[in-house]
C-alpha atoms as a PDB file:
ATOM      1  CA  UNK A   1      18.810  57.947  22.998  1.00  0.00           C
ATOM      2  CA  UNK A   2      20.419  54.534  22.453  1.00  0.00           C
ATOM      3  CA  UNK A   3      18.587  53.181  25.503  1.00  0.00           C
ATOM      4  CA  UNK A   4      15.248  54.230  24.022  1.00  0.00           C
ATOM      5  CA  UNK A   5      16.187  52.673  20.686  1.00  0.00           C
ATOM      6  CA  UNK A   6      17.198  49.454  22.434  1.00  0.00           C
ATOM      7  CA  UNK A   7      13.898  49.321  24.306  1.00  0.00           C
ATOM      8  CA  UNK A   8      11.948  49.913  21.097  1.00  0.00           C
ATOM      9  CA  UNK A   9      13.926  47.238  19.254  1.00  0.00           C
ATOM     10  CA  UNK A  10      13.435  44.689  22.043  1.00  0.00           C
ATOM     11  CA  UNK A  11       9.719  45.435  22.244  1.00  0.00           C
ATOM     12  CA  UNK A  12       9.289  44.866  18.517  1.00  0.00           C
ATOM     13  CA  UNK A  13      11.356  41.670  18.686  1.00  0.00           C
ATOM     14  CA  UNK A  14       9.254  40.329  21.571  1.00  0.00           C
ATOM     15  CA  UNK A  15       6.002  41.176  19.782  1.00  0.00           C
ATOM     16  CA  UNK A  16       7.170  39.501  16.573  1.00  0.00           C
ATOM     17  CA  UNK A  17       8.185  36.229  18.240  1.00  0.00           C
ATOM     18  CA  UNK A  18       5.187  36.171  20.588  1.00  0.00           C
ATOM     19  CA  UNK A  19       2.739  36.809  17.761  1.00  0.00           C
ATOM     20  CA  UNK A  20       4.101  34.021  15.572  1.00  0.00           C
ATOM     21  CA  UNK A  21       4.366  31.532  18.464  1.00  0.00           C
ATOM     22  CA  UNK A  22       0.812  32.221  19.644  1.00  0.00           C
ATOM     23  CA  UNK A  23      -0.462  31.314  16.176  1.00  0.00           C
ATOM     24  CA  UNK A  24       0.896  27.760  16.412  1.00  0.00           C
ATOM     25  CA  UNK A  25      -1.171  24.670  17.231  1.00  0.00           C
ATOM     26  CA  UNK A  26       0.522  22.935  20.178  1.00  0.00           C
ATOM     27  CA  UNK A  27      -0.715  19.522  19.034  1.00  0.00           C
ATOM     28  CA  UNK A  28       1.175  19.800  15.749  1.00  0.00           C
ATOM     29  CA  UNK A  29       4.399  20.822  17.501  1.00  0.00           C
ATOM     30  CA  UNK A  30       4.215  17.869  19.885  1.00  0.00           C
ATOM     31  CA  UNK A  31       3.831  15.397  17.043  1.00  0.00           C
ATOM     32  CA  UNK A  32       6.900  16.810  15.272  1.00  0.00           C
ATOM     33  CA  UNK A  33       9.116  16.440  18.341  1.00  0.00           C
ATOM     34  CA  UNK A  34       9.368  12.722  17.492  1.00  0.00           C
ATOM     35  CA  UNK A  35      10.720  13.484  14.019  1.00  0.00           C
ATOM     36  CA  UNK A  36      14.304  13.071  15.211  1.00  0.00           C
ATOM     37  CA  UNK A  37      16.058  12.770  11.844  1.00  0.00           C
ATOM     38  CA  UNK A  38      14.577  15.945  10.393  1.00  0.00           C
ATOM     39  CA  UNK A  39      15.118  17.934  13.600  1.00  0.00           C
ATOM     40  CA  UNK A  40      18.736  16.771  13.948  1.00  0.00           C
ATOM     41  CA  UNK A  41      19.434  17.664  10.310  1.00  0.00           C
ATOM     42  CA  UNK A  42      17.930  21.091  10.807  1.00  0.00           C
ATOM     43  CA  UNK A  43      19.996  21.793  13.923  1.00  0.00           C
ATOM     44  CA  UNK A  44      23.167  20.625  12.148  1.00  0.00           C
ATOM     45  CA  UNK A  45      22.560  23.051   9.288  1.00  0.00           C
ATOM     46  CA  UNK A  46      21.466  25.845  11.635  1.00  0.00           C
ATOM     47  CA  UNK A  47      24.401  25.796  14.049  1.00  0.00           C
ATOM     48  CA  UNK A  48      27.246  24.282  12.019  1.00  0.00           C
ATOM     49  CA  UNK A  49      26.720  24.957   8.307  1.00  0.00           C
ATOM     50  CA  UNK A  50      25.468  28.562   8.361  1.00  0.00           C
ATOM     51  CA  UNK A  51      27.905  29.908  11.023  1.00  0.00           C
ATOM     52  CA  UNK A  52      30.749  28.340   9.035  1.00  0.00           C
ATOM     53  CA  UNK A  53      29.585  30.152   5.894  1.00  0.00           C
ATOM     54  CA  UNK A  54      29.471  33.422   7.824  1.00  0.00           C
ATOM     55  CA  UNK A  55      32.994  32.870   9.126  1.00  0.00           C
ATOM     56  CA  UNK A  56      34.308  32.096   5.637  1.00  0.00           C
ATOM     57  CA  UNK A  57      32.921  35.415   4.398  1.00  0.00           C
ATOM     58  CA  UNK A  58      34.433  37.355   7.321  1.00  0.00           C
ATOM     59  CA  UNK A  59      37.827  35.726   6.867  1.00  0.00           C
ATOM     60  CA  UNK A  60      37.917  35.817   3.062  1.00  0.00           C
ATOM     61  CA  UNK A  61      36.675  39.382   2.561  1.00  0.00           C
ATOM     62  CA  UNK A  62      38.431  40.905   5.612  1.00  0.00           C
ATOM     63  CA  UNK A  63      35.329  42.748   6.788  1.00  0.00           C
ATOM     64  CA  UNK A  64      35.470  45.526   9.369  1.00  0.00           C
ATOM     65  CA  UNK A  65      34.965  44.594  13.017  1.00  0.00           C
ATOM     66  CA  UNK A  66      31.466  46.070  13.144  1.00  0.00           C
ATOM     67  CA  UNK A  67      30.256  44.349   9.971  1.00  0.00           C
ATOM     68  CA  UNK A  68      32.112  41.096  10.605  1.00  0.00           C
ATOM     69  CA  UNK A  69      30.964  40.656  14.211  1.00  0.00           C
ATOM     70  CA  UNK A  70      27.368  41.455  13.331  1.00  0.00           C
ATOM     71  CA  UNK A  71      27.436  38.997  10.421  1.00  0.00           C
ATOM     72  CA  UNK A  72      28.759  36.292  12.749  1.00  0.00           C
ATOM     73  CA  UNK A  73      25.954  37.087  15.205  1.00  0.00           C
ATOM     74  CA  UNK A  74      23.308  36.900  12.475  1.00  0.00           C
ATOM     75  CA  UNK A  75      24.569  33.615  10.988  1.00  0.00           C
ATOM     76  CA  UNK A  76      24.903  32.076  14.473  1.00  0.00           C
ATOM     77  CA  UNK A  77      21.416  33.160  15.576  1.00  0.00           C
ATOM     78  CA  UNK A  78      18.407  30.808  15.762  1.00  0.00           C
ATOM     79  CA  UNK A  79      15.809  30.599  13.020  1.00  0.00           C
ATOM     80  CA  UNK A  80      13.516  33.547  12.428  1.00  0.00           C
ATOM     81  CA  UNK A  81       9.763  33.431  12.959  1.00  0.00           C
ATOM     82  CA  UNK A  82       9.081  34.419   9.353  1.00  0.00           C
ATOM     83  CA  UNK A  83      10.474  31.049   8.271  1.00  0.00           C
ATOM     84  CA  UNK A  84       7.187  29.642   9.633  1.00  0.00           C
ATOM     85  CA  UNK A  85       5.284  32.108   7.449  1.00  0.00           C
ATOM     86  CA  UNK A  86       7.144  31.009   4.306  1.00  0.00           C
ATOM     87  CA  UNK A  87       6.634  27.332   5.207  1.00  0.00           C
ATOM     88  CA  UNK A  88       2.917  27.972   5.597  1.00  0.00           C
ATOM     89  CA  UNK A  89       2.564  30.166   2.505  1.00  0.00           C
ATOM     90  CA  UNK A  90       4.270  27.696   0.152  1.00  0.00           C
ATOM     91  CA  UNK A  91       2.950  24.508   1.803  1.00  0.00           C
ATOM     92  CA  UNK A  92       6.142  23.032   3.214  1.00  0.00           C
ATOM     93  CA  UNK A  93       5.990  21.221   6.591  1.00  0.00           C
ATOM     94  CA  UNK A  94       4.697  23.999   8.869  1.00  0.00           C
ATOM     95  CA  UNK A  95       4.627  21.956  12.079  1.00  0.00           C
ATOM     96  CA  UNK A  96       8.253  20.945  11.531  1.00  0.00           C
ATOM     97  CA  UNK A  97       9.192  24.564  10.822  1.00  0.00           C
ATOM     98  CA  UNK A  98       7.658  25.801  14.072  1.00  0.00           C
ATOM     99  CA  UNK A  99       9.288  22.981  16.039  1.00  0.00           C
ATOM    100  CA  UNK A 100      12.700  23.732  14.537  1.00  0.00           C
ATOM    101  CA  UNK A 101      12.380  27.447  15.275  1.00  0.00           C
ATOM    102  CA  UNK A 102      11.483  26.776  18.909  1.00  0.00           C
ATOM    103  CA  UNK A 103      14.217  24.162  19.430  1.00  0.00           C
ATOM    104  CA  UNK A 104      16.912  26.223  17.708  1.00  0.00           C
ATOM    105  CA  UNK A 105      16.024  29.211  19.888  1.00  0.00           C
ATOM    106  CA  UNK A 106      16.448  27.188  23.072  1.00  0.00           C
ATOM    107  CA  UNK A 107      19.691  25.594  21.821  1.00  0.00           C
ATOM    108  CA  UNK A 108      21.025  29.020  20.864  1.00  0.00           C
ATOM    109  CA  UNK A 109      21.489  29.793  24.569  1.00  0.00           C
ATOM    110  CA  UNK A 110      24.594  27.623  24.302  1.00  0.00           C
ATOM    111  CA  UNK A 111      25.337  27.440  20.585  1.00  0.00           C
ATOM    112  CA  UNK A 112      25.233  31.161  19.763  1.00  0.00           C
ATOM    113  CA  UNK A 113      27.862  32.178  22.374  1.00  0.00           C
ATOM    114  CA  UNK A 114      29.994  29.124  21.540  1.00  0.00           C
ATOM    115  CA  UNK A 115      29.967  29.782  17.787  1.00  0.00           C
ATOM    116  CA  UNK A 116      30.542  33.491  18.314  1.00  0.00           C
ATOM    117  CA  UNK A 117      33.492  32.863  20.620  1.00  0.00           C
ATOM    118  CA  UNK A 118      35.081  30.325  18.269  1.00  0.00           C
ATOM    119  CA  UNK A 119      34.718  32.309  15.062  1.00  0.00           C
ATOM    120  CA  UNK A 120      35.555  35.737  16.458  1.00  0.00           C
ATOM    121  CA  UNK A 121      38.712  34.241  17.951  1.00  0.00           C
ATOM    122  CA  UNK A 122      39.662  32.756  14.580  1.00  0.00           C
ATOM    123  CA  UNK A 123      38.736  35.874  12.594  1.00  0.00           C
ATOM    124  CA  UNK A 124      39.991  38.695  14.822  1.00  0.00           C
ATOM    125  CA  UNK A 125      42.549  39.389  17.523  1.00  0.00           C
ATOM    126  CA  UNK A 126      42.069  39.005  21.266  1.00  0.00           C
ATOM    127  CA  UNK A 127      41.159  42.685  21.722  1.00  0.00           C
ATOM    128  CA  UNK A 128      38.022  42.286  19.622  1.00  0.00           C
ATOM    129  CA  UNK A 129      37.019  39.102  21.440  1.00  0.00           C
ATOM    130  CA  UNK A 130      37.513  40.715  24.845  1.00  0.00           C
ATOM    131  CA  UNK A 131      35.240  43.607  23.839  1.00  0.00           C
ATOM    132  CA  UNK A 132      32.289  41.337  23.059  1.00  0.00           C
ATOM    133  CA  UNK A 133      29.192  42.229  25.086  1.00  0.00           C
ATOM    134  CA  UNK A 134      27.913  38.917  26.447  1.00  0.00           C
ATOM    135  CA  UNK A 135      25.227  40.370  28.723  1.00  0.00           C
ATOM    136  CA  UNK A 136      23.185  41.920  25.866  1.00  0.00           C
ATOM    137  CA  UNK A 137      23.595  38.688  23.898  1.00  0.00           C
ATOM    138  CA  UNK A 138      22.153  36.547  26.683  1.00  0.00           C
ATOM    139  CA  UNK A 139      19.465  39.152  27.351  1.00  0.00           C
ATOM    140  CA  UNK A 140      18.347  39.034  23.710  1.00  0.00           C
ATOM    141  CA  UNK A 141      18.169  35.232  23.824  1.00  0.00           C
ATOM    142  CA  UNK A 142      16.231  35.343  27.094  1.00  0.00           C
ATOM    143  CA  UNK A 143      13.826  37.798  25.487  1.00  0.00           C
ATOM    144  CA  UNK A 144      13.200  35.513  22.513  1.00  0.00           C
ATOM    145  CA  UNK A 145      12.770  32.423  24.691  1.00  0.00           C
ATOM    146  CA  UNK A 146      10.332  34.275  26.956  1.00  0.00           C
ATOM    147  CA  UNK A 147       8.345  35.410  23.926  1.00  0.00           C
ATOM    148  CA  UNK A 148       8.198  31.875  22.484  1.00  0.00           C
ATOM    149  CA  UNK A 149       7.178  30.379  25.837  1.00  0.00           C
ATOM    150  CA  UNK A 150       4.502  33.021  26.394  1.00  0.00           C
ATOM    151  CA  UNK A 151       3.184  32.619  22.861  1.00  0.00           C
ATOM    152  CA  UNK A 152       2.967  28.824  23.061  1.00  0.00           C
ATOM    153  CA  UNK A 153       1.333  29.039  26.489  1.00  0.00           C
ATOM    154  CA  UNK A 154      -1.320  31.447  25.216  1.00  0.00           C
ATOM    155  CA  UNK A 155      -1.878  29.236  22.183  1.00  0.00           C
ATOM    156  CA  UNK A 156      -2.407  26.197  24.414  1.00  0.00           C
ATOM    157  CA  UNK A 157      -4.783  28.027  26.744  1.00  0.00           C
ATOM    158  CA  UNK A 158      -6.786  29.831  24.096  1.00  0.00           C
ATOM    159  CA  UNK A 159      -8.815  27.833  21.601  1.00  0.00           C
ATOM    160  CA  UNK A 160     -10.126  30.977  19.949  1.00  0.00           C
ATOM    161  CA  UNK A 161      -9.392  31.405  16.260  1.00  0.00           C
ATOM    162  CA  UNK A 162      -9.872  35.158  16.626  1.00  0.00           C
ATOM    163  CA  UNK A 163      -7.072  35.281  19.217  1.00  0.00           C
ATOM    164  CA  UNK A 164      -4.698  33.439  16.883  1.00  0.00           C
ATOM    165  CA  UNK A 165      -5.612  35.803  14.062  1.00  0.00           C
ATOM    166  CA  UNK A 166      -4.905  38.833  16.258  1.00  0.00           C
ATOM    167  CA  UNK A 167      -1.613  37.309  17.393  1.00  0.00           C
ATOM    168  CA  UNK A 168      -0.643  36.695  13.778  1.00  0.00           C
ATOM    169  CA  UNK A 169      -1.430  40.306  12.864  1.00  0.00           C
ATOM    170  CA  UNK A 170       0.623  41.509  15.839  1.00  0.00           C
ATOM    171  CA  UNK A 171       3.592  39.427  14.718  1.00  0.00           C
ATOM    172  CA  UNK A 172       3.337  40.582  11.108  1.00  0.00           C
ATOM    173  CA  UNK A 173       3.034  44.246  12.090  1.00  0.00           C
ATOM    174  CA  UNK A 174       5.964  43.988  14.516  1.00  0.00           C
ATOM    175  CA  UNK A 175       8.121  42.300  11.891  1.00  0.00           C
ATOM    176  CA  UNK A 176       7.386  45.056   9.401  1.00  0.00           C
ATOM    177  CA  UNK A 177       8.154  47.739  11.996  1.00  0.00           C
ATOM    178  CA  UNK A 178      11.429  46.008  12.873  1.00  0.00           C
ATOM    179  CA  UNK A 179      12.446  46.044   9.201  1.00  0.00           C
ATOM    180  CA  UNK A 180      11.606  49.745   8.903  1.00  0.00           C
ATOM    181  CA  UNK A 181      13.466  50.405  12.159  1.00  0.00           C
ATOM    182  CA  UNK A 182      16.611  48.726  10.813  1.00  0.00           C
ATOM    183  CA  UNK A 183      16.284  50.552   7.497  1.00  0.00           C
ATOM    184  CA  UNK A 184      16.085  53.904   9.273  1.00  0.00           C
ATOM    185  CA  UNK A 185      19.071  53.186  11.502  1.00  0.00           C
ATOM    186  CA  UNK A 186      21.285  51.867   8.729  1.00  0.00           C
ATOM    187  CA  UNK A 187      20.708  54.989   6.589  1.00  0.00           C
ATOM    188  CA  UNK A 188      21.129  57.553   9.358  1.00  0.00           C
ATOM    189  CA  UNK A 189      24.890  58.003   9.001  1.00  0.00           C
ATOM    190  CA  UNK A 190      27.042  59.779   6.443  1.00  0.00           C
ATOM    191  CA  UNK A 191      26.834  59.109   2.717  1.00  0.00           C
ATOM    192  CA  UNK A 192      29.568  56.443   2.706  1.00  0.00           C
ATOM    193  CA  UNK A 193      27.816  54.305   5.335  1.00  0.00           C
ATOM    194  CA  UNK A 194      24.360  54.260   3.757  1.00  0.00           C
ATOM    195  CA  UNK A 195      23.049  50.869   2.714  1.00  0.00           C
ATOM    196  CA  UNK A 196      23.289  51.564  -1.030  1.00  0.00           C
ATOM    197  CA  UNK A 197      26.810  53.014  -0.838  1.00  0.00           C
ATOM    198  CA  UNK A 198      28.692  50.076   0.698  1.00  0.00           C
ATOM    199  CA  UNK A 199      31.655  48.275  -0.812  1.00  0.00           C
ATOM    200  CA  UNK A 200      30.864  45.253  -3.000  1.00  0.00           C
ATOM    201  CA  UNK A 201      32.300  42.942  -0.345  1.00  0.00           C
ATOM    202  CA  UNK A 202      29.474  43.893   2.030  1.00  0.00           C
ATOM    203  CA  UNK A 203      26.759  42.662  -0.336  1.00  0.00           C
ATOM    204  CA  UNK A 204      28.660  39.482  -1.224  1.00  0.00           C
ATOM    205  CA  UNK A 205      29.306  38.701   2.449  1.00  0.00           C
ATOM    206  CA  UNK A 206      25.611  38.986   3.290  1.00  0.00           C
ATOM    207  CA  UNK A 207      24.261  37.163   0.216  1.00  0.00           C
ATOM    208  CA  UNK A 208      26.559  34.118   0.081  1.00  0.00           C
ATOM    209  CA  UNK A 209      25.497  32.613   3.461  1.00  0.00           C
ATOM    210  CA  UNK A 210      21.830  32.890   2.374  1.00  0.00           C
ATOM    211  CA  UNK A 211      22.314  31.161  -0.958  1.00  0.00           C
ATOM    212  CA  UNK A 212      24.921  28.699   0.304  1.00  0.00           C
ATOM    213  CA  UNK A 213      22.798  27.778   3.317  1.00  0.00           C
ATOM    214  CA  UNK A 214      19.781  26.871   1.174  1.00  0.00           C
ATOM    215  CA  UNK A 215      21.853  24.833  -1.299  1.00  0.00           C
ATOM    216  CA  UNK A 216      23.888  22.908   1.288  1.00  0.00           C
ATOM    217  CA  UNK A 217      20.898  22.245   3.554  1.00  0.00           C
ATOM    218  CA  UNK A 218      18.923  20.940   0.589  1.00  0.00           C
ATOM    219  CA  UNK A 219      21.764  18.614  -0.429  1.00  0.00           C
ATOM    220  CA  UNK A 220      22.236  17.306   3.126  1.00  0.00           C
ATOM    221  CA  UNK A 221      18.501  16.763   3.667  1.00  0.00           C
ATOM    222  CA  UNK A 222      18.135  14.962   0.331  1.00  0.00           C
ATOM    223  CA  UNK A 223      21.153  12.736   1.037  1.00  0.00           C
ATOM    224  CA  UNK A 224      19.484  11.270   4.145  1.00  0.00           C
ATOM    225  CA  UNK A 225      16.162  10.775   2.323  1.00  0.00           C
ATOM    226  CA  UNK A 226      13.992  13.296   4.115  1.00  0.00           C
ATOM    227  CA  UNK A 227      10.577  13.768   2.532  1.00  0.00           C
ATOM    228  CA  UNK A 228      10.489  16.660   0.035  1.00  0.00           C
ATOM    229  CA  UNK A 229       8.380  18.970   2.283  1.00  0.00           C
ATOM    230  CA  UNK A 230      10.740  18.216   5.194  1.00  0.00           C
ATOM    231  CA  UNK A 231      13.766  18.841   2.984  1.00  0.00           C
ATOM    232  CA  UNK A 232      12.271  22.155   1.935  1.00  0.00           C
ATOM    233  CA  UNK A 233      11.606  23.141   5.558  1.00  0.00           C
ATOM    234  CA  UNK A 234      15.170  22.316   6.638  1.00  0.00           C
ATOM    235  CA  UNK A 235      16.555  24.515   3.843  1.00  0.00           C
ATOM    236  CA  UNK A 236      14.251  27.409   4.770  1.00  0.00           C
ATOM    237  CA  UNK A 237      15.147  27.168   8.456  1.00  0.00           C
ATOM    238  CA  UNK A 238      18.879  27.035   7.713  1.00  0.00           C
ATOM    239  CA  UNK A 239      18.752  30.227   5.661  1.00  0.00           C
ATOM    240  CA  UNK A 240      16.119  32.273   7.501  1.00  0.00           C
ATOM    241  CA  UNK A 241      17.639  33.799  10.642  1.00  0.00           C
ATOM    242  CA  UNK A 242      16.265  35.852  13.528  1.00  0.00           C
ATOM    243  CA  UNK A 243      17.844  39.128  12.404  1.00  0.00           C
ATOM    244  CA  UNK A 244      16.112  40.909  15.291  1.00  0.00           C
ATOM    245  CA  UNK A 245      18.784  39.524  17.614  1.00  0.00           C
ATOM    246  CA  UNK A 246      21.510  41.050  15.449  1.00  0.00           C
ATOM    247  CA  UNK A 247      19.662  44.367  15.411  1.00  0.00           C
ATOM    248  CA  UNK A 248      19.274  44.434  19.195  1.00  0.00           C
ATOM    249  CA  UNK A 249      22.899  43.485  19.836  1.00  0.00           C
ATOM    250  CA  UNK A 250      24.285  45.998  17.336  1.00  0.00           C
ATOM    251  CA  UNK A 251      22.526  48.766  19.261  1.00  0.00           C
ATOM    252  CA  UNK A 252      24.323  47.790  22.466  1.00  0.00           C
ATOM    253  CA  UNK A 253      27.757  46.925  21.040  1.00  0.00           C
ATOM    254  CA  UNK A 254      28.498  49.812  18.652  1.00  0.00           C
ATOM    255  CA  UNK A 255      28.211  53.584  18.428  1.00  0.00           C
ATOM    256  CA  UNK A 256      28.479  56.260  15.751  1.00  0.00           C
ATOM    257  CA  UNK A 257      29.656  55.159  12.322  1.00  0.00           C
ATOM    258  CA  UNK A 258      30.248  51.587  13.512  1.00  0.00           C
ATOM    259  CA  UNK A 259      26.624  51.377  14.653  1.00  0.00           C
ATOM    260  CA  UNK A 260      25.408  52.478  11.224  1.00  0.00           C
ATOM    261  CA  UNK A 261      27.671  49.910   9.541  1.00  0.00           C
ATOM    262  CA  UNK A 262      26.566  47.140  11.886  1.00  0.00           C
ATOM    263  CA  UNK A 263      22.847  47.886  11.529  1.00  0.00           C
ATOM    264  CA  UNK A 264      23.147  47.407   7.781  1.00  0.00           C
ATOM    265  CA  UNK A 265      23.977  43.714   8.226  1.00  0.00           C
ATOM    266  CA  UNK A 266      20.675  42.470   9.718  1.00  0.00           C
ATOM    267  CA  UNK A 267      18.731  44.789   7.432  1.00  0.00           C
ATOM    268  CA  UNK A 268      20.429  43.594   4.245  1.00  0.00           C
ATOM    269  CA  UNK A 269      20.437  39.959   5.393  1.00  0.00           C
ATOM    270  CA  UNK A 270      16.704  40.246   6.041  1.00  0.00           C
ATOM    271  CA  UNK A 271      16.130  41.469   2.491  1.00  0.00           C
ATOM    272  CA  UNK A 272      18.427  38.804   1.049  1.00  0.00           C
ATOM    273  CA  UNK A 273      16.923  35.891   2.986  1.00  0.00           C
ATOM    274  CA  UNK A 274      13.410  36.944   2.023  1.00  0.00           C
ATOM    275  CA  UNK A 275      14.282  37.038  -1.681  1.00  0.00           C
ATOM    276  CA  UNK A 276      16.324  33.813  -1.622  1.00  0.00           C
ATOM    277  CA  UNK A 277      13.706  31.834   0.311  1.00  0.00           C
ATOM    278  CA  UNK A 278      10.861  33.112  -1.893  1.00  0.00           C
ATOM    279  CA  UNK A 279      12.685  32.033  -5.071  1.00  0.00           C
ATOM    280  CA  UNK A 280      13.598  28.682  -3.512  1.00  0.00           C
ATOM    281  CA  UNK A 281       9.986  28.046  -2.453  1.00  0.00           C
ATOM    282  CA  UNK A 282       8.626  28.793  -5.926  1.00  0.00           C
ATOM    283  CA  UNK A 283      11.193  26.479  -7.546  1.00  0.00           C
ATOM    284  CA  UNK A 284      10.418  23.750  -4.974  1.00  0.00           C
ATOM    285  CA  UNK A 285       6.703  24.041  -5.685  1.00  0.00           C
ATOM    286  CA  UNK A 286       7.197  23.676  -9.451  1.00  0.00           C
ATOM    287  CA  UNK A 287       9.452  20.651  -8.824  1.00  0.00           C
ATOM    288  CA  UNK A 288       6.681  18.992  -6.807  1.00  0.00           C
ATOM    289  CA  UNK A 289       8.445  19.127  -3.437  1.00  0.00           C
ATOM    290  CA  UNK A 290       5.652  20.899  -1.555  1.00  0.00           C
ATOM    291  CA  UNK A 291       2.277  19.602  -0.353  1.00  0.00           C
ATOM    292  CA  UNK A 292       0.598  21.688  -3.061  1.00  0.00           C
ATOM    293  CA  UNK A 293       0.105  20.360  -6.609  1.00  0.00           C
ATOM    294  CA  UNK A 294       2.807  21.629  -8.963  1.00  0.00           C
ATOM    295  CA  UNK A 295       0.227  22.435 -11.646  1.00  0.00           C
ATOM    296  CA  UNK A 296      -2.141  24.366  -9.359  1.00  0.00           C
ATOM    297  CA  UNK A 297      -2.598  28.113  -9.974  1.00  0.00           C
ATOM    298  CA  UNK A 298      -0.111  30.232  -8.037  1.00  0.00           C
ATOM    299  CA  UNK A 299      -2.730  32.229  -6.137  1.00  0.00           C
ATOM    300  CA  UNK A 300      -4.521  29.046  -5.139  1.00  0.00           C
ATOM    301  CA  UNK A 301      -1.267  27.615  -3.798  1.00  0.00           C
ATOM    302  CA  UNK A 302      -0.465  30.581  -1.565  1.00  0.00           C
ATOM    303  CA  UNK A 303      -4.062  31.057  -0.421  1.00  0.00           C
ATOM    304  CA  UNK A 304      -4.714  27.390   0.356  1.00  0.00           C
ATOM    305  CA  UNK A 305      -3.253  25.524   3.324  1.00  0.00           C
ATOM    306  CA  UNK A 306      -2.827  22.044   1.868  1.00  0.00           C
ATOM    307  CA  UNK A 307      -1.459  20.853   5.202  1.00  0.00           C
ATOM    308  CA  UNK A 308      -4.830  21.677   6.768  1.00  0.00           C
ATOM    309  CA  UNK A 309      -6.609  19.914   3.908  1.00  0.00           C
ATOM    310  CA  UNK A 310      -4.490  16.802   4.384  1.00  0.00           C
ATOM    311  CA  UNK A 311      -5.084  16.800   8.140  1.00  0.00           C
ATOM    312  CA  UNK A 312      -8.821  17.205   7.571  1.00  0.00           C
ATOM    313  CA  UNK A 313      -8.772  14.379   5.039  1.00  0.00           C
ATOM    314  CA  UNK A 314      -7.155  12.073   7.615  1.00  0.00           C
ATOM    315  CA  UNK A 315      -9.805  12.994  10.185  1.00  0.00           C
ATOM    316  CA  UNK A 316     -12.552  12.335   7.648  1.00  0.00           C
ATOM    317  CA  UNK A 317     -11.107   8.931   6.828  1.00  0.00           C
ATOM    318  CA  UNK A 318     -11.088   8.019  10.519  1.00  0.00           C
ATOM    319  CA  UNK A 319     -14.708   9.111  10.819  1.00  0.00           C
ATOM    320  CA  UNK A 320     -15.639   6.963   7.828  1.00  0.00           C
ATOM    321  CA  UNK A 321     -13.837   3.885   9.148  1.00  0.00           C
ATOM    322  CA  UNK A 322     -15.561   4.260  12.519  1.00  0.00           C
ATOM    323  CA  UNK A 323     -19.058   4.517  11.012  1.00  0.00           C
ATOM    324  CA  UNK A 324     -21.150   1.406  11.640  1.00  0.00           C
ATOM    325  CA  UNK A 325     -24.144   1.677   9.282  1.00  0.00           C
ATOM    326  CA  UNK A 326     -24.180   2.056   5.553  1.00  0.00           C
ATOM    327  CA  UNK A 327     -21.564   3.267   3.169  1.00  0.00           C
ATOM    328  CA  UNK A 328     -20.408   6.817   2.852  1.00  0.00           C
ATOM    329  CA  UNK A 329     -20.157   9.072  -0.138  1.00  0.00           C
ATOM    330  CA  UNK A 330     -17.453  11.696   0.177  1.00  0.00           C
ATOM    331  CA  UNK A 331     -17.960  14.952  -1.656  1.00  0.00           C
ATOM    332  CA  UNK A 332     -15.356  17.651  -1.583  1.00  0.00           C
ATOM    333  CA  UNK A 333     -14.925  21.071  -3.089  1.00  0.00           C
ATOM    334  CA  UNK A 334     -11.996  23.387  -2.707  1.00  0.00           C
ATOM    335  CA  UNK A 335     -12.399  27.116  -3.239  1.00  0.00           C
ATOM    336  CA  UNK A 336      -9.484  29.385  -2.292  1.00  0.00           C
ATOM    337  CA  UNK A 337      -8.496  28.337   1.215  1.00  0.00           C
ATOM    338  CA  UNK A 338     -11.893  26.854   2.120  1.00  0.00           C
ATOM    339  CA  UNK A 339     -12.587  23.125   2.176  1.00  0.00           C
ATOM    340  CA  UNK A 340     -16.183  21.931   2.259  1.00  0.00           C
ATOM    341  CA  UNK A 341     -16.327  18.253   3.148  1.00  0.00           C
ATOM    342  CA  UNK A 342     -19.380  16.267   4.006  1.00  0.00           C
ATOM    343  CA  UNK A 343     -20.510  12.686   4.047  1.00  0.00           C
ATOM    344  CA  UNK A 344     -23.870  11.353   2.968  1.00  0.00           C
ATOM    345  CA  UNK A 345     -25.139   7.980   4.068  1.00  0.00           C
ATOM    346  CA  UNK A 346     -25.742   5.774   1.052  1.00  0.00           C
ATOM    347  CA  UNK A 347     -26.869   2.175   0.999  1.00  0.00           C
ATOM    348  CA  UNK A 348     -25.739   1.874  -2.592  1.00  0.00           C
ATOM    349  CA  UNK A 349     -22.166   1.872  -3.897  1.00  0.00           C
ATOM    350  CA  UNK A 350     -19.932   4.739  -2.719  1.00  0.00           C
ATOM    351  CA  UNK A 351     -19.414   7.542  -5.183  1.00  0.00           C
ATOM    352  CA  UNK A 352     -15.853   8.873  -5.407  1.00  0.00           C
END
């Protein structure tokens, strides 16, 4: 039974990561790879700040082995694909978000086992450390890396918008199914182990790394003068983890009541990170940190990709500067997420 559950979990995880990666424009990712300061800040927050917060919770609240180990796995995991969705929805730096997710996933081959070994050794005795299942951990990372590579490859080879839309739907559907899967597993035990019947320390342990990660990442990014959309992206990436890895590993590392306890961690963290990031994004938008106007209607903000509008504006400016005859009149109208831009040749003065 556990083998079938593991297969189902891995399949959903692969579909989620593949779907989100296949939606990405390779050109945008390549351009962000030269943004060294923002990428380095993101990796620092991802693999040093958040795992430390997870360890502090495990050590301070004396969590059970199942809950504590799973929390350490979740906080040491790479960024989750839904961080890209939040960055896109609230007009942060989407290309940077995708780049950070991909890089953190590749770095997690080394950093996840290293962080897990360090913090489990400090938090628990040698017996717990010796019982860690490294093979499933590396298998889960290999699965995610394969999914990212396959998704980016398909994105590079396919120029079809319909393919990217289908890939995005696949990723969204798989993510929803993975959440429902975790919810079912975490509420399948006795009454004391159900998600709404845990001790207060469980909820505090899961929530604090989310909130603390966003706050600390925002402070660090602001202190080195990252642009507001970049600062926002770093904070989102630091908080939003790939909880699918924690779900897959919990299925292989625990059984019975411990499995039910462990499965509650990625499920509750997923709920917490979604709520925390959503609130943070709304506050950032109203403070003028996003690429969207702070006074724009909310539905217009979430339905309009201002990053696409800005990119299109740059292309239009290049086209204007390269024109050789006459002056151009630029007329624009924005309706929902659609931008209609055209130029009319005009021998008189340009109309703005």
